[in-house]
């Protein structure tokens, strides 16, 4: 998914890591969210290099990963995703 996003944004992307070097992950039980952004933004924190996409969502049921938007909180997007799947 990250490689696909790199093509879409036409620049290198990377998972967002905290000061401890660990990838920022949010485990919501049935889906795991991975924070990411452009490498340039992560290195410089220049807001003009930031990609306005939400995290990558990886369902635990093996269905395809997808990228969340930014209009809602991630948990709200996942609630809508669950609803669309009848969960």
C-alpha atoms as a PDB file:
ATOM      1  CA  UNK A   1       0.000   0.000   0.000  1.00  0.00           C
ATOM      2  CA  UNK A   2       2.818   2.414   0.817  1.00  0.00           C
ATOM      3  CA  UNK A   3       4.386   1.858  -2.630  1.00  0.00           C
ATOM      4  CA  UNK A   4       1.012   2.565  -4.261  1.00  0.00           C
ATOM      5  CA  UNK A   5       0.759   5.818  -2.309  1.00  0.00           C
ATOM      6  CA  UNK A   6       4.258   6.829  -3.403  1.00  0.00           C
ATOM      7  CA  UNK A   7       3.121   6.604  -7.010  1.00  0.00           C
ATOM      8  CA  UNK A   8       0.001   8.609  -6.217  1.00  0.00           C
ATOM      9  CA  UNK A   9       1.851  11.416  -4.421  1.00  0.00           C
ATOM     10  CA  UNK A  10       4.891  11.231  -6.747  1.00  0.00           C
ATOM     11  CA  UNK A  11       7.413  11.195  -3.900  1.00  0.00           C
ATOM     12  CA  UNK A  12       8.888   8.753  -1.404  1.00  0.00           C
ATOM     13  CA  UNK A  13       6.721   7.854   1.574  1.00  0.00           C
ATOM     14  CA  UNK A  14       7.488   6.213   4.897  1.00  0.00           C
ATOM     15  CA  UNK A  15       5.731   5.007   7.986  1.00  0.00           C
ATOM     16  CA  UNK A  16       5.632   7.626  10.711  1.00  0.00           C
ATOM     17  CA  UNK A  17       7.827   6.724  13.652  1.00  0.00           C
ATOM     18  CA  UNK A  18       7.970   8.275  17.076  1.00  0.00           C
ATOM     19  CA  UNK A  19      11.079   9.307  18.983  1.00  0.00           C
ATOM     20  CA  UNK A  20      11.629   5.653  19.902  1.00  0.00           C
ATOM     21  CA  UNK A  21      11.852   4.715  16.200  1.00  0.00           C
ATOM     22  CA  UNK A  22       8.740   2.517  16.344  1.00  0.00           C
ATOM     23  CA  UNK A  23       6.045   2.832  13.695  1.00  0.00           C
ATOM     24  CA  UNK A  24       2.930   4.563  15.010  1.00  0.00           C
ATOM     25  CA  UNK A  25       0.261   1.888  15.079  1.00  0.00           C
ATOM     26  CA  UNK A  26      -3.307   1.998  16.376  1.00  0.00           C
ATOM     27  CA  UNK A  27      -4.869  -1.393  17.002  1.00  0.00           C
ATOM     28  CA  UNK A  28      -8.667  -1.232  16.808  1.00  0.00           C
ATOM     29  CA  UNK A  29      -9.157  -4.971  17.151  1.00  0.00           C
ATOM     30  CA  UNK A  30     -10.469  -5.912  13.723  1.00  0.00           C
ATOM     31  CA  UNK A  31      -8.303  -3.387  11.902  1.00  0.00           C
ATOM     32  CA  UNK A  32      -4.841  -1.913  12.475  1.00  0.00           C
ATOM     33  CA  UNK A  33      -3.970   1.665  11.459  1.00  0.00           C
ATOM     34  CA  UNK A  34      -0.461   2.638  10.344  1.00  0.00           C
ATOM     35  CA  UNK A  35       0.533   6.304  10.259  1.00  0.00           C
ATOM     36  CA  UNK A  36       2.563   7.458   7.249  1.00  0.00           C
ATOM     37  CA  UNK A  37       3.571  10.586   5.341  1.00  0.00           C
ATOM     38  CA  UNK A  38       6.072  11.801   2.744  1.00  0.00           C
ATOM     39  CA  UNK A  39       9.698  11.206   3.657  1.00  0.00           C
ATOM     40  CA  UNK A  40      10.404  14.911   3.108  1.00  0.00           C
ATOM     41  CA  UNK A  41       7.757  15.912   5.638  1.00  0.00           C
ATOM     42  CA  UNK A  42       8.886  13.342   8.194  1.00  0.00           C
ATOM     43  CA  UNK A  43      12.475  14.568   7.897  1.00  0.00           C
ATOM     44  CA  UNK A  44      11.785  18.316   7.889  1.00  0.00           C
ATOM     45  CA  UNK A  45       8.322  18.753   9.489  1.00  0.00           C
ATOM     46  CA  UNK A  46       7.693  21.382   6.789  1.00  0.00           C
ATOM     47  CA  UNK A  47       3.882  21.538   6.629  1.00  0.00           C
ATOM     48  CA  UNK A  48       4.015  22.324   2.911  1.00  0.00           C
ATOM     49  CA  UNK A  49       5.484  18.848   2.320  1.00  0.00           C
ATOM     50  CA  UNK A  50       2.849  17.068   4.391  1.00  0.00           C
ATOM     51  CA  UNK A  51       0.454  14.680   2.632  1.00  0.00           C
ATOM     52  CA  UNK A  52      -3.146  15.165   3.696  1.00  0.00           C
ATOM     53  CA  UNK A  53      -4.169  11.529   3.820  1.00  0.00           C
ATOM     54  CA  UNK A  54      -5.246   9.472   6.771  1.00  0.00           C
ATOM     55  CA  UNK A  55      -3.534   6.337   8.026  1.00  0.00           C
ATOM     56  CA  UNK A  56      -3.366   3.040   6.172  1.00  0.00           C
ATOM     57  CA  UNK A  57      -6.022   0.662   7.506  1.00  0.00           C
ATOM     58  CA  UNK A  58      -5.220  -3.059   7.404  1.00  0.00           C
ATOM     59  CA  UNK A  59      -8.198  -5.302   8.242  1.00  0.00           C
ATOM     60  CA  UNK A  60      -7.325  -8.441  10.211  1.00  0.00           C
ATOM     61  CA  UNK A  61      -9.747 -10.521   8.120  1.00  0.00           C
ATOM     62  CA  UNK A  62      -7.333 -10.413   5.170  1.00  0.00           C
ATOM     63  CA  UNK A  63      -9.424  -8.050   3.053  1.00  0.00           C
ATOM     64  CA  UNK A  64      -7.541  -5.312   1.246  1.00  0.00           C
ATOM     65  CA  UNK A  65      -5.814  -2.437   2.966  1.00  0.00           C
ATOM     66  CA  UNK A  66      -7.166   1.054   2.343  1.00  0.00           C
ATOM     67  CA  UNK A  67      -6.325   4.652   3.216  1.00  0.00           C
ATOM     68  CA  UNK A  68      -8.564   6.688   5.469  1.00  0.00           C
ATOM     69  CA  UNK A  69      -9.535  10.252   4.708  1.00  0.00           C
ATOM     70  CA  UNK A  70      -8.953  13.217   6.976  1.00  0.00           C
ATOM     71  CA  UNK A  71     -12.470  14.653   7.317  1.00  0.00           C
ATOM     72  CA  UNK A  72     -13.303  12.428  10.307  1.00  0.00           C
ATOM     73  CA  UNK A  73     -11.398  10.892  13.183  1.00  0.00           C
ATOM     74  CA  UNK A  74      -9.929   7.514  12.205  1.00  0.00           C
ATOM     75  CA  UNK A  75     -12.284   5.722  14.598  1.00  0.00           C
ATOM     76  CA  UNK A  76     -15.268   7.359  12.870  1.00  0.00           C
ATOM     77  CA  UNK A  77     -14.054   6.204   9.431  1.00  0.00           C
ATOM     78  CA  UNK A  78     -13.616   2.688  10.782  1.00  0.00           C
ATOM     79  CA  UNK A  79     -17.111   2.761  12.315  1.00  0.00           C
ATOM     80  CA  UNK A  80     -18.489   3.644   8.861  1.00  0.00           C
ATOM     81  CA  UNK A  81     -16.370   0.896   7.267  1.00  0.00           C
ATOM     82  CA  UNK A  82     -17.700  -1.641   9.781  1.00  0.00           C
ATOM     83  CA  UNK A  83     -21.256  -0.493   9.126  1.00  0.00           C
ATOM     84  CA  UNK A  84     -20.777  -0.881   5.359  1.00  0.00           C
ATOM     85  CA  UNK A  85     -19.654  -4.465   5.948  1.00  0.00           C
ATOM     86  CA  UNK A  86     -22.619  -5.255   8.196  1.00  0.00           C
ATOM     87  CA  UNK A  87     -20.493  -5.451  11.336  1.00  0.00           C
END
